[in-house]
Amino acid sequence: MPELPEVETTCRGVSPHIQDAKITRVIIRQFSLRWPIADDLADILTGQTIHKVYRRAKYLLFQCDSGTLIIHLGMSGRLRILDGASITKAEKHDHVDITFNNGQVLRYNDPRRFGCILWTSSAIEQHSLINHLGPEPLTKQFDADYLWQQSRNRRCSINTLIMNGKIVVGVGNIYANEALFMAKIHPKKMANKLTKKNSLLLVTAIKTVLEQAIIAGGTTLKDFRKSDGKPGYFAQELNVYGKEGETCPHCRSIIKQYKEAQRATFYCPLCQQN
């Protein structure tokens, strides 16, 4: 599943090509995604100008004249920018094309169809997919004091806490594993046992890991490609995720794995004793 860095990379990739451009045509080949695409979406979008492209959690938001287009990439979705003058024939999983007056085409591809394309004319902050979300991890609102306060009376693992979108958005399993390793905190540590020092180390690690991933272009999951069709490269720099049985890059201990909430969690038993 594309994580926050992949979504941010996509946002930055498509924005320069379509911001301030007017939609001239919308082709919807497949209406059946996670939630059905509205029958009148093409009519609503045609003639609208994209004023801003930004991200909230893993949602891509396209601010238009009279509302906001919401796109979530689901498990396997991706967006690409194509030149309308030399656009390739739509393939099997190319479900939506949005054409702009500058000749660019935004194409949505999603083999598993777990993504969504929705429209709202109300304030985006009030949308049911958005209004319950926690702070963005790279903002000042997400700091050590905030995390420590949120961890009080929480009887769950710290790994589970930082993947809770109501606490902080966008810290998926890969980046949670990597941040906990960087902060030297065991993923099974109970959230309510987190110290203020732990909180500072973990917040710093989360920000660092996500920033590194964004710079590198996103993790190379097999289903993810950047907007230009090229894969990201951050997977080459992962320390523990997916490396059960390999040696820790710091202490040479053997990296272990366990399952929590059906997710594989990876850690170093020697480095992560806190």
Protein backbone atom coordinates (compact mmCIF):
# COMPACT_ATOMS: atom_id res chain seq x y z
CA MET A 1 0.00 0.00 0.00
CA PRO A 2 1.37 3.46 -0.84
CA GLU A 3 2.34 5.14 2.43
CA LEU A 4 2.56 8.84 3.31
CA PRO A 5 5.94 9.39 1.55
CA GLU A 6 4.64 7.75 -1.63
CA VAL A 7 1.49 9.87 -1.54
CA GLU A 8 3.50 13.03 -0.87
CA THR A 9 5.83 12.13 -3.73
CA THR A 10 2.82 11.69 -6.01
CA CYS A 11 1.39 15.02 -4.83
CA ARG A 12 4.63 16.84 -5.60
CA GLY A 13 4.94 15.01 -8.89
CA VAL A 14 1.54 15.90 -10.34
CA SER A 15 0.99 19.36 -8.87
CA PRO A 16 3.28 21.41 -11.18
CA HIS A 17 1.58 19.96 -14.26
CA ILE A 18 -2.06 20.63 -13.36
CA GLN A 19 -2.20 23.47 -10.82
CA ASP A 20 -4.09 26.47 -12.28
CA ALA A 21 -5.12 24.34 -15.28
CA LYS A 22 -8.75 23.88 -16.35
CA ILE A 23 -10.34 20.46 -16.78
CA THR A 24 -11.65 20.04 -20.33
CA ARG A 25 -12.62 16.37 -20.35
CA VAL A 26 -13.09 13.46 -17.94
CA ILE A 27 -13.20 9.83 -19.05
CA ILE A 28 -14.34 7.26 -16.49
CA ARG A 29 -13.92 3.68 -17.65
CA GLN A 30 -14.51 1.97 -14.31
CA PHE A 31 -16.92 3.39 -11.74
CA SER A 32 -16.56 0.53 -9.25
CA LEU A 33 -13.74 1.39 -6.82
CA ARG A 34 -13.77 1.07 -3.03
CA TRP A 35 -16.76 3.38 -3.17
CA PRO A 36 -18.53 3.89 -6.51
CA ILE A 37 -17.52 6.96 -8.48
CA ALA A 38 -20.48 9.32 -8.75
CA ASP A 39 -22.31 9.06 -12.07
CA ASP A 40 -22.15 12.82 -12.54
CA LEU A 41 -18.48 13.31 -11.57
CA ALA A 42 -17.38 13.95 -15.16
CA ASP A 43 -20.01 16.67 -15.54
CA ILE A 44 -19.06 18.22 -12.18
CA LEU A 45 -15.33 18.34 -12.95
CA THR A 46 -15.46 19.52 -16.54
CA GLY A 47 -14.78 23.26 -16.64
CA GLN A 48 -13.35 23.39 -13.13
CA THR A 49 -9.88 24.79 -12.47
CA ILE A 50 -7.44 23.05 -10.13
CA HIS A 51 -6.29 25.78 -7.75
CA LYS A 52 -4.25 23.66 -5.35
CA VAL A 53 -3.02 20.07 -5.01
CA TYR A 54 -2.13 18.96 -1.51
CA ARG A 55 -2.13 15.98 0.82
CA ARG A 56 -3.98 15.20 4.06
CA ALA A 57 -2.85 11.90 5.56
CA LYS A 58 -2.92 9.53 2.56
CA TYR A 59 -5.60 11.49 0.72
CA LEU A 60 -4.71 13.60 -2.32
CA LEU A 61 -6.87 16.72 -2.40
CA PHE A 62 -7.52 18.75 -5.55
CA GLN A 63 -9.05 22.08 -4.66
CA CYS A 64 -11.34 23.24 -7.47
CA ASP A 65 -13.71 26.16 -8.11
CA SER A 66 -16.72 24.71 -6.30
CA GLY A 67 -15.34 21.89 -4.18
CA THR A 68 -12.59 19.34 -3.66
CA LEU A 69 -11.73 16.16 -5.54
CA ILE A 70 -10.52 13.47 -3.11
CA ILE A 71 -8.31 10.64 -4.35
CA HIS A 72 -6.99 7.77 -2.25
CA LEU A 73 -4.60 5.31 -3.90
CA GLY A 74 -5.77 2.32 -1.86
CA MET A 75 -3.59 -0.78 -2.10
CA SER A 76 -2.31 -0.44 -5.65
CA GLY A 77 -3.43 2.87 -7.14
CA ARG A 78 -1.16 5.34 -8.88
CA LEU A 79 -1.45 8.62 -10.72
CA ARG A 80 0.57 9.53 -13.79
CA ILE A 81 0.92 12.68 -15.84
CA LEU A 82 0.76 12.04 -19.58
CA ASP A 83 1.12 14.32 -22.59
CA GLY A 84 -2.26 14.44 -24.27
CA ALA A 85 -0.64 14.87 -27.69
CA SER A 86 1.12 11.52 -27.42
CA ILE A 87 -1.04 9.72 -24.86
CA THR A 88 -0.80 5.96 -24.89
CA LYS A 89 -3.85 3.76 -25.28
CA ALA A 90 -5.55 3.07 -21.96
CA GLU A 91 -4.57 -0.26 -20.45
CA LYS A 92 -6.79 -2.66 -18.50
CA HIS A 93 -6.51 -0.92 -15.13
CA ASP A 94 -6.45 2.69 -16.36
CA HIS A 95 -9.80 3.65 -14.88
CA VAL A 96 -9.94 7.45 -15.12
CA ASP A 97 -8.40 10.13 -17.36
CA ILE A 98 -8.70 13.84 -16.53
CA THR A 99 -7.62 16.09 -19.41
CA PHE A 100 -6.56 19.73 -18.94
CA ASN A 101 -6.46 22.77 -21.20
CA ASN A 102 -2.64 22.73 -21.12
CA GLY A 103 -2.60 19.35 -22.86
CA GLN A 104 -1.73 17.32 -19.77
CA VAL A 105 -3.68 14.22 -18.74
CA LEU A 106 -3.92 12.89 -15.19
CA ARG A 107 -4.45 9.11 -15.39
CA TYR A 108 -5.60 6.97 -12.46
CA ASN A 109 -4.57 3.32 -12.54
CA ASP A 110 -5.63 0.82 -9.88
CA PRO A 111 -5.45 -2.97 -10.46
CA ARG A 112 -7.06 -3.92 -7.15
CA ARG A 113 -9.62 -1.07 -7.16
CA PHE A 114 -9.32 -0.41 -3.42
CA GLY A 115 -8.74 3.29 -3.99
CA CYS A 116 -11.39 5.98 -4.23
CA ILE A 117 -12.25 9.09 -6.23
CA LEU A 118 -14.81 11.27 -4.47
CA TRP A 119 -16.15 14.80 -4.75
CA THR A 120 -17.30 17.15 -2.00
CA SER A 121 -18.68 20.65 -2.31
CA SER A 122 -18.52 21.14 1.47
CA ALA A 123 -15.49 22.28 3.48
CA ILE A 124 -12.94 19.48 3.19
CA GLU A 125 -12.21 19.63 6.93
CA GLN A 126 -15.79 18.50 7.58
CA HIS A 127 -15.66 15.44 5.32
CA SER A 128 -16.15 12.14 7.16
CA LEU A 129 -12.85 10.78 5.83
CA ILE A 130 -10.93 13.82 7.07
CA ASN A 131 -12.57 15.26 10.19
CA HIS A 132 -11.30 12.62 12.64
CA LEU A 133 -7.64 12.62 11.56
CA GLY A 134 -4.75 13.40 13.89
CA PRO A 135 -2.00 15.91 13.13
CA GLU A 136 0.43 15.58 10.24
CA PRO A 137 3.71 14.02 11.46
CA LEU A 138 5.93 16.64 9.84
CA THR A 139 4.16 19.62 11.41
CA LYS A 140 4.98 21.43 14.66
CA GLN A 141 1.71 20.17 16.14
CA PHE A 142 3.21 16.69 16.31
CA ASP A 143 5.90 17.10 18.96
CA ALA A 144 7.25 15.18 21.95
CA ASP A 145 4.83 16.71 24.43
CA TYR A 146 1.84 15.89 22.21
CA LEU A 147 2.89 12.25 21.79
CA TRP A 148 3.60 11.84 25.50
CA GLN A 149 0.20 13.30 26.41
CA GLN A 150 -1.56 11.05 23.91
CA SER A 151 0.21 7.97 25.25
CA ARG A 152 -1.11 8.38 28.81
CA ASN A 153 -3.69 5.74 29.76
CA ARG A 154 -3.21 3.97 26.42
CA ARG A 155 -3.04 0.23 26.98
CA CYS A 156 -1.61 -0.72 23.60
CA SER A 157 1.87 -1.12 22.17
CA ILE A 158 3.74 1.99 21.08
CA ASN A 159 3.88 0.44 17.61
CA THR A 160 0.08 0.36 17.49
CA LEU A 161 -0.24 3.88 18.89
CA ILE A 162 1.89 5.60 16.27
CA MET A 163 0.00 3.83 13.48
CA ASN A 164 -3.33 5.13 14.82
CA GLY A 165 -4.48 7.81 12.40
CA LYS A 166 -6.45 9.55 15.13
CA ILE A 167 -3.16 10.12 17.00
CA VAL A 168 -0.93 10.97 14.04
CA VAL A 169 -1.53 10.35 10.36
CA GLY A 170 0.58 8.57 7.82
CA VAL A 171 2.95 6.50 9.96
CA GLY A 172 2.42 3.16 8.26
CA ASN A 173 3.95 -0.14 9.27
CA ILE A 174 7.20 0.23 7.34
CA TYR A 175 7.97 3.66 8.74
CA ALA A 176 6.80 2.78 12.24
CA ASN A 177 9.27 -0.13 12.29
CA GLU A 178 12.09 2.06 11.02
CA ALA A 179 11.36 4.95 13.41
CA LEU A 180 11.20 2.68 16.46
CA PHE A 181 14.53 1.17 15.44
CA MET A 182 16.07 4.63 15.06
CA ALA A 183 14.69 5.67 18.48
CA LYS A 184 15.87 2.35 20.02
CA ILE A 185 12.41 1.59 21.39
CA HIS A 186 10.98 -1.93 21.40
CA PRO A 187 7.77 -2.03 19.33
CA LYS A 188 5.97 -4.02 22.06
CA LYS A 189 6.62 -1.35 24.71
CA MET A 190 3.32 -0.28 26.23
CA ALA A 191 2.34 3.21 25.13
CA ASN A 192 1.57 4.32 28.69
CA LYS A 193 5.13 3.42 29.69
CA LEU A 194 6.59 5.88 27.22
CA THR A 195 8.84 8.43 28.92
CA LYS A 196 9.26 12.03 27.85
CA LYS A 197 12.74 11.14 26.62
CA ASN A 198 11.29 8.24 24.62
CA SER A 199 8.71 10.61 23.15
CA LEU A 200 11.33 13.08 22.00
CA LEU A 201 13.47 10.36 20.43
CA LEU A 202 10.49 8.77 18.71
CA VAL A 203 9.00 11.99 17.33
CA THR A 204 12.42 12.98 16.00
CA ALA A 205 12.86 9.54 14.43
CA ILE A 206 9.41 9.57 12.79
CA LYS A 207 10.07 12.95 11.22
CA THR A 208 13.55 11.91 10.06
CA VAL A 209 12.45 8.61 8.53
CA LEU A 210 9.51 10.19 6.69
CA GLU A 211 11.58 13.12 5.43
CA GLN A 212 14.26 10.75 4.16
CA ALA A 213 11.63 8.66 2.40
CA ILE A 214 10.05 11.68 0.73
CA ILE A 215 13.43 12.92 -0.48
CA ALA A 216 14.25 9.47 -1.83
CA GLY A 217 10.94 9.23 -3.65
CA GLY A 218 9.05 6.65 -1.63
CA THR A 219 9.59 3.02 -0.81
CA THR A 220 9.89 0.62 -3.72
CA LEU A 221 6.80 -1.46 -3.06
CA LYS A 222 6.02 -3.56 -6.11
CA ASP A 223 2.76 -1.73 -6.78
CA PHE A 224 4.10 1.82 -6.42
CA ARG A 225 5.51 4.04 -9.11
CA LYS A 226 6.07 7.77 -9.01
CA SER A 227 4.04 10.06 -11.26
CA ASP A 228 6.72 9.78 -13.95
CA GLY A 229 6.49 5.99 -13.90
CA LYS A 230 9.84 5.44 -12.16
CA PRO A 231 10.10 3.57 -8.83
CA GLY A 232 11.23 5.13 -5.58
CA TYR A 233 14.50 4.07 -3.98
CA PHE A 234 14.10 4.39 -0.23
CA ALA A 235 13.66 0.62 0.22
CA GLN A 236 17.39 0.23 -0.29
CA GLU A 237 17.97 2.17 2.94
CA LEU A 238 15.61 0.26 5.26
CA ASN A 239 17.32 -1.01 8.41
CA VAL A 240 14.90 -3.59 9.82
CA TYR A 241 11.67 -3.82 7.84
CA GLY A 242 11.49 -7.03 5.83
CA LYS A 243 14.89 -8.18 7.11
CA GLU A 244 14.08 -11.02 9.50
CA GLY A 245 17.12 -13.26 9.94
CA GLU A 246 19.55 -10.66 8.65
CA THR A 247 22.10 -8.89 10.82
CA CYS A 248 21.38 -5.54 12.45
CA PRO A 249 23.40 -2.79 10.71
CA HIS A 250 24.39 -1.39 14.12
CA CYS A 251 25.11 -4.29 16.46
CA ARG A 252 25.15 -7.33 14.13
CA SER A 253 22.43 -9.10 16.15
CA ILE A 254 19.81 -11.04 14.20
CA ILE A 255 16.69 -9.05 13.29
CA LYS A 256 13.48 -10.67 14.51
CA GLN A 257 9.86 -10.52 13.45
CA TYR A 258 6.48 -11.00 15.11
CA LYS A 259 2.87 -10.41 14.05
CA GLU A 260 0.70 -7.71 15.61
CA ALA A 261 -2.79 -6.98 14.30
CA GLN A 262 -1.92 -9.14 11.26
CA ARG A 263 1.06 -6.91 10.45
CA ALA A 264 4.66 -8.11 10.40
CA THR A 265 6.78 -6.11 12.83
CA PHE A 266 10.58 -6.18 12.59
CA TYR A 267 13.05 -5.13 15.29
CA CYS A 268 16.54 -5.68 16.72
CA PRO A 269 16.34 -7.42 20.13
CA LEU A 270 19.61 -5.84 21.29
CA CYS A 271 19.32 -2.27 20.03
CA GLN A 272 15.62 -1.92 20.91
CA GLN A 273 15.51 -2.75 24.60
CA ASN A 274 13.94 0.53 25.78
